[in-house]
Amino acid sequence: MALPKKGSRRILVDGVAYRWTVRGRPTYDQGMCWSPLTFAVEHVESPGATLVVRTNQPHPGNWMGRLISPVLPSDVAGAIQTARADGWAPELPGSPFLLDQSQGAAPF
């Protein structure tokens, strides 16, 4: 499934263009700080398998008042490089590729 163009941001990593986005409204579990923030990435030219990255911080729209640090483009670039090294092929169709970076996260 393709990411919506509205609200997504472009990023260039190793000469390849990608688009990434963070869900605007948290899911119920994210709002309650029971599950962490995730963001999605896809290839701009030929979107195939989407990369879903699970972070180690709460969603910025959480209802519990937990403070967060924003997802920076450098975080997204690092996640893309890690996923590519782990076998993510964004140009090919397939199931979403999950990259779990929530290790060491404090309990939400």
PDB file of N, CA and C in Angstrom:
ATOM      1  N   MET A   1       0.842  -1.175   0.000  1.00  0.00           N
ATOM      2  CA  MET A   1       0.000   0.000   0.000  1.00  0.00           C
ATOM      3  C   MET A   1       0.887   1.237   0.000  1.00  0.00           C
ATOM      4  N   ALA A   2       0.585   2.180  -0.856  1.00  0.00           N
ATOM      5  CA  ALA A   2       1.388   3.387  -0.988  1.00  0.00           C
ATOM      6  C   ALA A   2       1.081   4.367   0.141  1.00  0.00           C
ATOM      7  N   LEU A   3       2.099   5.119   0.510  1.00  0.00           N
ATOM      8  CA  LEU A   3       1.925   6.157   1.528  1.00  0.00           C
ATOM      9  C   LEU A   3       1.224   7.361   0.904  1.00  0.00           C
ATOM     10  N   PRO A   4       0.418   8.066   1.667  1.00  0.00           N
ATOM     11  CA  PRO A   4      -0.206   9.274   1.123  1.00  0.00           C
ATOM     12  C   PRO A   4       0.855  10.347   0.880  1.00  0.00           C
ATOM     13  N   LYS A   5       0.711  11.072  -0.218  1.00  0.00           N
ATOM     14  CA  LYS A   5       1.681  12.134  -0.510  1.00  0.00           C
ATOM     15  C   LYS A   5       1.512  13.303   0.446  1.00  0.00           C
ATOM     16  N   LYS A   6       0.272  13.570   0.831  1.00  0.00           N
ATOM     17  CA  LYS A   6       0.015  14.661   1.755  1.00  0.00           C
ATOM     18  C   LYS A   6       0.531  14.277   3.139  1.00  0.00           C
ATOM     19  N   GLY A   7       1.373  15.104   3.699  1.00  0.00           N
ATOM     20  CA  GLY A   7       1.896  14.869   5.031  1.00  0.00           C
ATOM     21  C   GLY A   7       3.168  14.037   5.074  1.00  0.00           C
ATOM     22  N   SER A   8       3.601  13.533   3.930  1.00  0.00           N
ATOM     23  CA  SER A   8       4.840  12.757   3.923  1.00  0.00           C
ATOM     24  C   SER A   8       5.998  13.671   3.510  1.00  0.00           C
ATOM     25  N   ARG A   9       7.198  13.231   3.847  1.00  0.00           N
ATOM     26  CA  ARG A   9       8.396  14.018   3.542  1.00  0.00           C
ATOM     27  C   ARG A   9       9.338  13.201   2.689  1.00  0.00           C
ATOM     28  N   ARG A  10      10.042  13.886   1.805  1.00  0.00           N
ATOM     29  CA  ARG A  10      11.040  13.219   0.963  1.00  0.00           C
ATOM     30  C   ARG A  10      12.392  13.249   1.661  1.00  0.00           C
ATOM     31  N   ILE A  11      13.166  12.200   1.409  1.00  0.00           N
ATOM     32  CA  ILE A  11      14.517  12.125   1.942  1.00  0.00           C
ATOM     33  C   ILE A  11      15.375  11.397   0.910  1.00  0.00           C
ATOM     34  N   LEU A  12      16.597  11.841   0.763  1.00  0.00           N
ATOM     35  CA  LEU A  12      17.541  11.245  -0.165  1.00  0.00           C
ATOM     36  C   LEU A  12      18.598  10.505   0.649  1.00  0.00           C
ATOM     37  N   VAL A  13      18.707   9.194   0.436  1.00  0.00           N
ATOM     38  CA  VAL A  13      19.665   8.365   1.167  1.00  0.00           C
ATOM     39  C   VAL A  13      20.494   7.591   0.147  1.00  0.00           C
ATOM     40  N   ASP A  14      21.780   7.800   0.156  1.00  0.00           N
ATOM     41  CA  ASP A  14      22.693   7.130  -0.773  1.00  0.00           C
ATOM     42  C   ASP A  14      22.267   7.321  -2.227  1.00  0.00           C
ATOM     43  N   GLY A  15      21.776   8.515  -2.538  1.00  0.00           N
ATOM     44  CA  GLY A  15      21.391   8.848  -3.906  1.00  0.00           C
ATOM     45  C   GLY A  15      20.026   8.329  -4.332  1.00  0.00           C
ATOM     46  N   VAL A  16      19.262   7.741  -3.432  1.00  0.00           N
ATOM     47  CA  VAL A  16      17.938   7.196  -3.740  1.00  0.00           C
ATOM     48  C   VAL A  16      16.886   7.993  -2.972  1.00  0.00           C
ATOM     49  N   ALA A  17      15.801   8.357  -3.667  1.00  0.00           N
ATOM     50  CA  ALA A  17      14.732   9.146  -3.039  1.00  0.00           C
ATOM     51  C   ALA A  17      13.701   8.226  -2.387  1.00  0.00           C
ATOM     52  N   TYR A  18      13.348   8.576  -1.156  1.00  0.00           N
ATOM     53  CA  TYR A  18      12.329   7.865  -0.387  1.00  0.00           C
ATOM     54  C   TYR A  18      11.330   8.883   0.122  1.00  0.00           C
ATOM     55  N   ARG A  19      10.158   8.382   0.555  1.00  0.00           N
ATOM     56  CA  ARG A  19       9.156   9.215   1.198  1.00  0.00           C
ATOM     57  C   ARG A  19       8.842   8.557   2.538  1.00  0.00           C
ATOM     58  N   TRP A  20       8.710   9.377   3.595  1.00  0.00           N
ATOM     59  CA  TRP A  20       8.432   8.830   4.924  1.00  0.00           C
ATOM     60  C   TRP A  20       7.375   9.654   5.628  1.00  0.00           C
ATOM     61  N   THR A  21       6.703   9.013   6.573  1.00  0.00           N
ATOM     62  CA  THR A  21       5.649   9.698   7.316  1.00  0.00           C
ATOM     63  C   THR A  21       5.458   9.057   8.687  1.00  0.00           C
ATOM     64  N   VAL A  22       4.981   9.871   9.592  1.00  0.00           N
ATOM     65  CA  VAL A  22       4.558   9.417  10.920  1.00  0.00           C
ATOM     66  C   VAL A  22       3.040   9.563  10.952  1.00  0.00           C
ATOM     67  N   ARG A  23       2.365   8.562  11.467  1.00  0.00           N
ATOM     68  CA  ARG A  23       0.907   8.630  11.571  1.00  0.00           C
ATOM     69  C   ARG A  23       0.523   9.871  12.373  1.00  0.00           C
ATOM     70  N   GLY A  24      -0.394  10.663  11.830  1.00  0.00           N
ATOM     71  CA  GLY A  24      -0.789  11.913  12.474  1.00  0.00           C
ATOM     72  C   GLY A  24      -1.439  11.732  13.835  1.00  0.00           C
ATOM     73  N   ARG A  25      -2.412  10.851  13.896  1.00  0.00           N
ATOM     74  CA  ARG A  25      -3.080  10.579  15.170  1.00  0.00           C
ATOM     75  C   ARG A  25      -2.576   9.246  15.706  1.00  0.00           C
ATOM     76  N   PRO A  26      -2.347   9.181  16.995  1.00  0.00           N
ATOM     77  CA  PRO A  26      -1.873   7.907  17.542  1.00  0.00           C
ATOM     78  C   PRO A  26      -2.980   6.858  17.542  1.00  0.00           C
ATOM     79  N   THR A  27      -2.574   5.604  17.472  1.00  0.00           N
ATOM     80  CA  THR A  27      -3.532   4.528  17.702  1.00  0.00           C
ATOM     81  C   THR A  27      -3.890   4.575  19.186  1.00  0.00           C
ATOM     82  N   TYR A  28      -4.875   3.803  19.596  1.00  0.00           N
ATOM     83  CA  TYR A  28      -5.256   3.807  21.006  1.00  0.00           C
ATOM     84  C   TYR A  28      -4.072   3.386  21.876  1.00  0.00           C
ATOM     85  N   ASP A  29      -3.384   2.310  21.473  1.00  0.00           N
ATOM     86  CA  ASP A  29      -2.235   1.834  22.252  1.00  0.00           C
ATOM     87  C   ASP A  29      -1.116   2.872  22.312  1.00  0.00           C
ATOM     88  N   GLN A  30      -0.884   3.585  21.208  1.00  0.00           N
ATOM     89  CA  GLN A  30       0.140   4.640  21.214  1.00  0.00           C
ATOM     90  C   GLN A  30      -0.302   5.817  22.065  1.00  0.00           C
ATOM     91  N   GLY A  31      -1.581   6.160  22.015  1.00  0.00           N
ATOM     92  CA  GLY A  31      -2.103   7.258  22.819  1.00  0.00           C
ATOM     93  C   GLY A  31      -1.972   6.990  24.312  1.00  0.00           C
ATOM     94  N   MET A  32      -2.135   5.735  24.701  1.00  0.00           N
ATOM     95  CA  MET A  32      -2.008   5.339  26.105  1.00  0.00           C
ATOM     96  C   MET A  32      -0.560   5.024  26.485  1.00  0.00           C
ATOM     97  N   CYS A  33       0.356   5.156  25.534  1.00  0.00           N
ATOM     98  CA  CYS A  33       1.786   4.862  25.738  1.00  0.00           C
ATOM     99  C   CYS A  33       2.028   3.382  26.026  1.00  0.00           C
ATOM    100  N   TRP A  34       1.196   2.534  25.456  1.00  0.00           N
ATOM    101  CA  TRP A  34       1.382   1.092  25.599  1.00  0.00           C
ATOM    102  C   TRP A  34       2.235   0.536  24.464  1.00  0.00           C
ATOM    103  N   SER A  35       2.296   1.245  23.353  1.00  0.00           N
ATOM    104  CA  SER A  35       3.146   0.829  22.243  1.00  0.00           C
ATOM    105  C   SER A  35       3.878   2.060  21.704  1.00  0.00           C
ATOM    106  N   PRO A  36       5.041   1.858  21.105  1.00  0.00           N
ATOM    107  CA  PRO A  36       5.871   2.992  20.691  1.00  0.00           C
ATOM    108  C   PRO A  36       5.446   3.599  19.352  1.00  0.00           C
ATOM    109  N   LEU A  37       6.048   4.713  19.066  1.00  0.00           N
ATOM    110  CA  LEU A  37       5.879   5.422  17.809  1.00  0.00           C
ATOM    111  C   LEU A  37       6.439   4.586  16.671  1.00  0.00           C
ATOM    112  N   THR A  38       5.746   4.566  15.541  1.00  0.00           N
ATOM    113  CA  THR A  38       6.253   3.931  14.335  1.00  0.00           C
ATOM    114  C   THR A  38       6.202   4.947  13.202  1.00  0.00           C
ATOM    115  N   PHE A  39       7.084   4.758  12.228  1.00  0.00           N
ATOM    116  CA  PHE A  39       6.985   5.549  11.009  1.00  0.00           C
ATOM    117  C   PHE A  39       7.189   4.631   9.824  1.00  0.00           C
ATOM    118  N   ALA A  40       6.700   5.063   8.658  1.00  0.00           N
ATOM    119  CA  ALA A  40       6.746   4.248   7.454  1.00  0.00           C
ATOM    120  C   ALA A  40       7.565   4.948   6.378  1.00  0.00           C
ATOM    121  N   VAL A  41       8.242   4.124   5.558  1.00  0.00           N
ATOM    122  CA  VAL A  41       9.110   4.630   4.492  1.00  0.00           C
ATOM    123  C   VAL A  41       8.820   3.830   3.226  1.00  0.00           C
ATOM    124  N   GLU A  42       8.841   4.506   2.069  1.00  0.00           N
ATOM    125  CA  GLU A  42       8.712   3.811   0.797  1.00  0.00           C
ATOM    126  C   GLU A  42       9.609   4.463  -0.250  1.00  0.00           C
ATOM    127  N   HIS A  43       9.905   3.718  -1.290  1.00  0.00           N
ATOM    128  CA  HIS A  43      10.701   4.197  -2.425  1.00  0.00           C
ATOM    129  C   HIS A  43       9.824   5.147  -3.229  1.00  0.00           C
ATOM    130  N   VAL A  44      10.350   6.285  -3.670  1.00  0.00           N
ATOM    131  CA  VAL A  44       9.543   7.279  -4.383  1.00  0.00           C
ATOM    132  C   VAL A  44       9.226   6.831  -5.803  1.00  0.00           C
ATOM    133  N   GLU A  45      10.234   6.380  -6.550  1.00  0.00           N
ATOM    134  CA  GLU A  45      10.051   6.064  -7.966  1.00  0.00           C
ATOM    135  C   GLU A  45       9.194   4.823  -8.197  1.00  0.00           C
ATOM    136  N   SER A  46       9.471   3.759  -7.472  1.00  0.00           N
ATOM    137  CA  SER A  46       8.720   2.516  -7.661  1.00  0.00           C
ATOM    138  C   SER A  46       8.398   1.911  -6.301  1.00  0.00           C
ATOM    139  N   PRO A  47       7.344   2.432  -5.647  1.00  0.00           N
ATOM    140  CA  PRO A  47       7.017   1.924  -4.310  1.00  0.00           C
ATOM    141  C   PRO A  47       6.626   0.451  -4.350  1.00  0.00           C
ATOM    142  N   GLY A  48       7.286  -0.309  -3.517  1.00  0.00           N
ATOM    143  CA  GLY A  48       6.996  -1.735  -3.388  1.00  0.00           C
ATOM    144  C   GLY A  48       6.716  -2.038  -1.937  1.00  0.00           C
ATOM    145  N   ALA A  49       7.598  -2.810  -1.323  1.00  0.00           N
ATOM    146  CA  ALA A  49       7.447  -3.160   0.092  1.00  0.00           C
ATOM    147  C   ALA A  49       7.718  -1.931   0.957  1.00  0.00           C
ATOM    148  N   THR A  50       6.837  -1.656   1.866  1.00  0.00           N
ATOM    149  CA  THR A  50       6.976  -0.520   2.776  1.00  0.00           C
ATOM    150  C   THR A  50       7.828  -0.918   3.971  1.00  0.00           C
ATOM    151  N   LEU A  51       8.667  -0.004   4.421  1.00  0.00           N
ATOM    152  CA  LEU A  51       9.452  -0.199   5.638  1.00  0.00           C
ATOM    153  C   LEU A  51       8.673   0.403   6.794  1.00  0.00           C
ATOM    154  N   VAL A  52       8.451  -0.378   7.845  1.00  0.00           N
ATOM    155  CA  VAL A  52       7.784   0.096   9.053  1.00  0.00           C
ATOM    156  C   VAL A  52       8.811   0.039  10.173  1.00  0.00           C
ATOM    157  N   VAL A  53       9.108   1.194  10.758  1.00  0.00           N
ATOM    158  CA  VAL A  53      10.144   1.290  11.790  1.00  0.00           C
ATOM    159  C   VAL A  53       9.480   1.542  13.141  1.00  0.00           C
ATOM    160  N   ARG A  54       9.746   0.663  14.081  1.00  0.00           N
ATOM    161  CA  ARG A  54       9.254   0.822  15.455  1.00  0.00           C
ATOM    162  C   ARG A  54      10.378   1.492  16.249  1.00  0.00           C
ATOM    163  N   THR A  55      10.086   2.660  16.807  1.00  0.00           N
ATOM    164  CA  THR A  55      11.097   3.427  17.546  1.00  0.00           C
ATOM    165  C   THR A  55      11.070   3.068  19.032  1.00  0.00           C
ATOM    166  N   ASN A  56      11.887   3.760  19.796  1.00  0.00           N
ATOM    167  CA  ASN A  56      11.934   3.520  21.248  1.00  0.00           C
ATOM    168  C   ASN A  56      11.361   4.697  22.031  1.00  0.00           C
ATOM    169  N   GLN A  57      10.395   5.392  21.437  1.00  0.00           N
ATOM    170  CA  GLN A  57       9.797   6.543  22.111  1.00  0.00           C
ATOM    171  C   GLN A  57       8.287   6.559  21.890  1.00  0.00           C
ATOM    172  N   PRO A  58       7.551   7.271  22.729  1.00  0.00           N
ATOM    173  CA  PRO A  58       6.100   7.349  22.549  1.00  0.00           C
ATOM    174  C   PRO A  58       5.714   8.253  21.370  1.00  0.00           C
ATOM    175  N   HIS A  59       4.494   8.095  20.911  1.00  0.00           N
ATOM    176  CA  HIS A  59       3.958   8.921  19.823  1.00  0.00           C
ATOM    177  C   HIS A  59       3.851  10.367  20.323  1.00  0.00           C
ATOM    178  N   PRO A  60       4.127  11.360  19.463  1.00  0.00           N
ATOM    179  CA  PRO A  60       4.041  12.760  19.918  1.00  0.00           C
ATOM    180  C   PRO A  60       2.643  13.183  20.329  1.00  0.00           C
ATOM    181  N   GLY A  61       1.623  12.492  19.847  1.00  0.00           N
ATOM    182  CA  GLY A  61       0.250  12.842  20.214  1.00  0.00           C
ATOM    183  C   GLY A  61      -0.294  12.000  21.355  1.00  0.00           C
ATOM    184  N   ASN A  62       0.589  11.433  22.172  1.00  0.00           N
ATOM    185  CA  ASN A  62       0.106  10.566  23.255  1.00  0.00           C
ATOM    186  C   ASN A  62      -0.723  11.381  24.244  1.00  0.00           C
ATOM    187  N   TRP A  63      -1.629  10.696  24.924  1.00  0.00           N
ATOM    188  CA  TRP A  63      -2.578  11.353  25.829  1.00  0.00           C
ATOM    189  C   TRP A  63      -2.079  11.397  27.258  1.00  0.00           C
ATOM    190  N   MET A  64      -0.911  10.851  27.506  1.00  0.00           N
ATOM    191  CA  MET A  64      -0.398  10.759  28.868  1.00  0.00           C
ATOM    192  C   MET A  64       0.565  11.905  29.203  1.00  0.00           C
ATOM    193  N   GLY A  65       0.837  12.758  28.245  1.00  0.00           N
ATOM    194  CA  GLY A  65       1.726  13.886  28.490  1.00  0.00           C
ATOM    195  C   GLY A  65       3.207  13.530  28.492  1.00  0.00           C
ATOM    196  N   ARG A  66       3.552  12.366  27.955  1.00  0.00           N
ATOM    197  CA  ARG A  66       4.954  11.963  27.910  1.00  0.00           C
ATOM    198  C   ARG A  66       5.693  12.812  26.895  1.00  0.00           C
ATOM    199  N   LEU A  67       6.842  13.294  27.275  1.00  0.00           N
ATOM    200  CA  LEU A  67       7.660  14.103  26.382  1.00  0.00           C
ATOM    201  C   LEU A  67       8.408  13.199  25.413  1.00  0.00           C
ATOM    202  N   ILE A  68       8.596  13.688  24.222  1.00  0.00           N
ATOM    203  CA  ILE A  68       9.269  12.907  23.192  1.00  0.00           C
ATOM    204  C   ILE A  68      10.309  13.770  22.504  1.00  0.00           C
ATOM    205  N   SER A  69      11.198  13.121  21.797  1.00  0.00           N
ATOM    206  CA  SER A  69      12.077  13.846  20.887  1.00  0.00           C
ATOM    207  C   SER A  69      11.562  13.550  19.483  1.00  0.00           C
ATOM    208  N   PRO A  70      11.586  14.529  18.603  1.00  0.00           N
ATOM    209  CA  PRO A  70      11.009  14.315  17.272  1.00  0.00           C
ATOM    210  C   PRO A  70      11.826  13.307  16.455  1.00  0.00           C
ATOM    211  N   VAL A  71      11.170  12.711  15.469  1.00  0.00           N
ATOM    212  CA  VAL A  71      11.867  11.841  14.529  1.00  0.00           C
ATOM    213  C   VAL A  71      12.602  12.761  13.561  1.00  0.00           C
ATOM    214  N   LEU A  72      13.904  12.659  13.547  1.00  0.00           N
ATOM    215  CA  LEU A  72      14.732  13.508  12.701  1.00  0.00           C
ATOM    216  C   LEU A  72      15.037  12.808  11.377  1.00  0.00           C
ATOM    217  N   PRO A  73      15.294  13.580  10.327  1.00  0.00           N
ATOM    218  CA  PRO A  73      15.696  12.965   9.064  1.00  0.00           C
ATOM    219  C   PRO A  73      16.922  12.057   9.211  1.00  0.00           C
ATOM    220  N   SER A  74      17.818  12.396  10.114  1.00  0.00           N
ATOM    221  CA  SER A  74      18.984  11.526  10.328  1.00  0.00           C
ATOM    222  C   SER A  74      18.565  10.176  10.912  1.00  0.00           C
ATOM    223  N   ASP A  75      17.523  10.156  11.739  1.00  0.00           N
ATOM    224  CA  ASP A  75      16.984   8.898  12.270  1.00  0.00           C
ATOM    225  C   ASP A  75      16.397   8.049  11.140  1.00  0.00           C
ATOM    226  N   VAL A  76      15.669   8.707  10.249  1.00  0.00           N
ATOM    227  CA  VAL A  76      15.050   8.008   9.124  1.00  0.00           C
ATOM    228  C   VAL A  76      16.129   7.458   8.195  1.00  0.00           C
ATOM    229  N   ALA A  77      17.135   8.266   7.898  1.00  0.00           N
ATOM    230  CA  ALA A  77      18.223   7.818   7.021  1.00  0.00           C
ATOM    231  C   ALA A  77      18.943   6.615   7.619  1.00  0.00           C
ATOM    232  N   GLY A  78      19.205   6.659   8.904  1.00  0.00           N
ATOM    233  CA  GLY A  78      19.858   5.531   9.571  1.00  0.00           C
ATOM    234  C   GLY A  78      19.014   4.269   9.525  1.00  0.00           C
ATOM    235  N   ALA A  79      17.703   4.424   9.707  1.00  0.00           N
ATOM    236  CA  ALA A  79      16.795   3.273   9.655  1.00  0.00           C
ATOM    237  C   ALA A  79      16.761   2.683   8.243  1.00  0.00           C
ATOM    238  N   ILE A  80      16.757   3.543   7.241  1.00  0.00           N
ATOM    239  CA  ILE A  80      16.751   3.071   5.848  1.00  0.00           C
ATOM    240  C   ILE A  80      18.030   2.292   5.551  1.00  0.00           C
ATOM    241  N   GLN A  81      19.171   2.826   5.958  1.00  0.00           N
ATOM    242  CA  GLN A  81      20.438   2.137   5.712  1.00  0.00           C
ATOM    243  C   GLN A  81      20.496   0.797   6.442  1.00  0.00           C
ATOM    244  N   THR A  82      20.005   0.760   7.666  1.00  0.00           N
ATOM    245  CA  THR A  82      19.975  -0.497   8.426  1.00  0.00           C
ATOM    246  C   THR A  82      19.060  -1.514   7.755  1.00  0.00           C
ATOM    247  N   ALA A  83      17.875  -1.073   7.334  1.00  0.00           N
ATOM    248  CA  ALA A  83      16.921  -1.977   6.697  1.00  0.00           C
ATOM    249  C   ALA A  83      17.462  -2.502   5.372  1.00  0.00           C
ATOM    250  N   ARG A  84      18.109  -1.642   4.591  1.00  0.00           N
ATOM    251  CA  ARG A  84      18.696  -2.093   3.324  1.00  0.00           C
ATOM    252  C   ARG A  84      19.763  -3.142   3.589  1.00  0.00           C
ATOM    253  N   ALA A  85      20.577  -2.939   4.614  1.00  0.00           N
ATOM    254  CA  ALA A  85      21.611  -3.923   4.968  1.00  0.00           C
ATOM    255  C   ALA A  85      20.989  -5.233   5.457  1.00  0.00           C
ATOM    256  N   ASP A  86      19.791  -5.157   6.053  1.00  0.00           N
ATOM    257  CA  ASP A  86      19.098  -6.350   6.555  1.00  0.00           C
ATOM    258  C   ASP A  86      18.246  -7.042   5.493  1.00  0.00           C
ATOM    259  N   GLY A  87      18.236  -6.500   4.267  1.00  0.00           N
ATOM    260  CA  GLY A  87      17.539  -7.180   3.181  1.00  0.00           C
ATOM    261  C   GLY A  87      16.271  -6.530   2.663  1.00  0.00           C
ATOM    262  N   TRP A  88      15.932  -5.337   3.125  1.00  0.00           N
ATOM    263  CA  TRP A  88      14.738  -4.661   2.616  1.00  0.00           C
ATOM    264  C   TRP A  88      14.972  -4.250   1.161  1.00  0.00           C
ATOM    265  N   ALA A  89      14.074  -4.641   0.283  1.00  0.00           N
ATOM    266  CA  ALA A  89      14.127  -4.277  -1.138  1.00  0.00           C
ATOM    267  C   ALA A  89      12.901  -3.421  -1.445  1.00  0.00           C
ATOM    268  N   PRO A  90      13.024  -2.097  -1.319  1.00  0.00           N
ATOM    269  CA  PRO A  90      11.851  -1.224  -1.444  1.00  0.00           C
ATOM    270  C   PRO A  90      11.252  -1.149  -2.837  1.00  0.00           C
ATOM    271  N   GLU A  91      11.990  -1.550  -3.862  1.00  0.00           N
ATOM    272  CA  GLU A  91      11.483  -1.477  -5.230  1.00  0.00           C
ATOM    273  C   GLU A  91      10.637  -2.690  -5.587  1.00  0.00           C
ATOM    274  N   LEU A  92      10.749  -3.760  -4.815  1.00  0.00           N
ATOM    275  CA  LEU A  92      10.030  -4.997  -5.126  1.00  0.00           C
ATOM    276  C   LEU A  92       8.750  -5.098  -4.310  1.00  0.00           C
ATOM    277  N   PRO A  93       7.674  -5.622  -4.917  1.00  0.00           N
ATOM    278  CA  PRO A  93       6.442  -5.788  -4.147  1.00  0.00           C
ATOM    279  C   PRO A  93       6.635  -6.833  -3.057  1.00  0.00           C
ATOM    280  N   GLY A  94       5.875  -6.689  -2.011  1.00  0.00           N
ATOM    281  CA  GLY A  94       5.955  -7.649  -0.926  1.00  0.00           C
ATOM    282  C   GLY A  94       5.317  -7.120   0.342  1.00  0.00           C
ATOM    283  N   SER A  95       5.403  -7.923   1.374  1.00  0.00           N
ATOM    284  CA  SER A  95       4.863  -7.549   2.676  1.00  0.00           C
ATOM    285  C   SER A  95       5.691  -6.429   3.286  1.00  0.00           C
ATOM    286  N   PRO A  96       5.099  -5.652   4.197  1.00  0.00           N
ATOM    287  CA  PRO A  96       5.878  -4.625   4.886  1.00  0.00           C
ATOM    288  C   PRO A  96       7.076  -5.239   5.616  1.00  0.00           C
ATOM    289  N   PHE A  97       8.175  -4.511   5.613  1.00  0.00           N
ATOM    290  CA  PHE A  97       9.411  -4.941   6.273  1.00  0.00           C
ATOM    291  C   PHE A  97       9.471  -4.227   7.620  1.00  0.00           C
ATOM    292  N   LEU A  98       9.454  -4.982   8.713  1.00  0.00           N
ATOM    293  CA  LEU A  98       9.469  -4.393  10.054  1.00  0.00           C
ATOM    294  C   LEU A  98      10.896  -4.280  10.568  1.00  0.00           C
ATOM    295  N   LEU A  99      11.275  -3.072  10.969  1.00  0.00           N
ATOM    296  CA  LEU A  99      12.570  -2.819  11.595  1.00  0.00           C
ATOM    297  C   LEU A  99      12.288  -2.362  13.018  1.00  0.00           C
ATOM    298  N   ASP A 100      12.628  -3.199  13.965  1.00  0.00           N
ATOM    299  CA  ASP A 100      12.342  -2.914  15.373  1.00  0.00           C
ATOM    300  C   ASP A 100      13.561  -2.262  16.024  1.00  0.00           C
ATOM    301  N   GLN A 101      13.444  -0.976  16.330  1.00  0.00           N
ATOM    302  CA  GLN A 101      14.505  -0.242  17.002  1.00  0.00           C
ATOM    303  C   GLN A 101      14.084   0.165  18.405  1.00  0.00           C
ATOM    304  N   SER A 102      13.207  -0.625  19.000  1.00  0.00           N
ATOM    305  CA  SER A 102      12.684  -0.285  20.319  1.00  0.00           C
ATOM    306  C   SER A 102      13.471  -0.912  21.459  1.00  0.00           C
ATOM    307  N   GLN A 103      14.576  -1.589  21.171  1.00  0.00           N
ATOM    308  CA  GLN A 103      15.388  -2.194  22.222  1.00  0.00           C
ATOM    309  C   GLN A 103      15.882  -1.115  23.188  1.00  0.00           C
ATOM    310  N   GLY A 104      15.855  -1.444  24.434  1.00  0.00           N
ATOM    311  CA  GLY A 104      16.348  -0.524  25.450  1.00  0.00           C
ATOM    312  C   GLY A 104      15.393   0.600  25.772  1.00  0.00           C
ATOM    313  N   ALA A 105      14.185   0.527  25.264  1.00  0.00           N
ATOM    314  CA  ALA A 105      13.218   1.597  25.537  1.00  0.00           C
ATOM    315  C   ALA A 105      12.726   1.482  26.974  1.00  0.00           C
ATOM    316  N   ALA A 106      12.535   2.631  27.583  1.00  0.00           N
ATOM    317  CA  ALA A 106      11.946   2.655  28.927  1.00  0.00           C
ATOM    318  C   ALA A 106      10.484   2.247  28.799  1.00  0.00           C
ATOM    319  N   PRO A 107       9.930   1.628  29.813  1.00  0.00           N
ATOM    320  CA  PRO A 107       8.504   1.282  29.738  1.00  0.00           C
ATOM    321  C   PRO A 107       7.689   2.540  29.510  1.00  0.00           C
ATOM    322  N   PHE A 108       6.751   2.417  28.640  1.00  0.00           N
ATOM    323  CA  PHE A 108       5.931   3.577  28.298  1.00  0.00           C
ATOM    324  C   PHE A 108       4.903   3.758  29.375  1.00  0.00           C
TER     325      PHE A 108
END
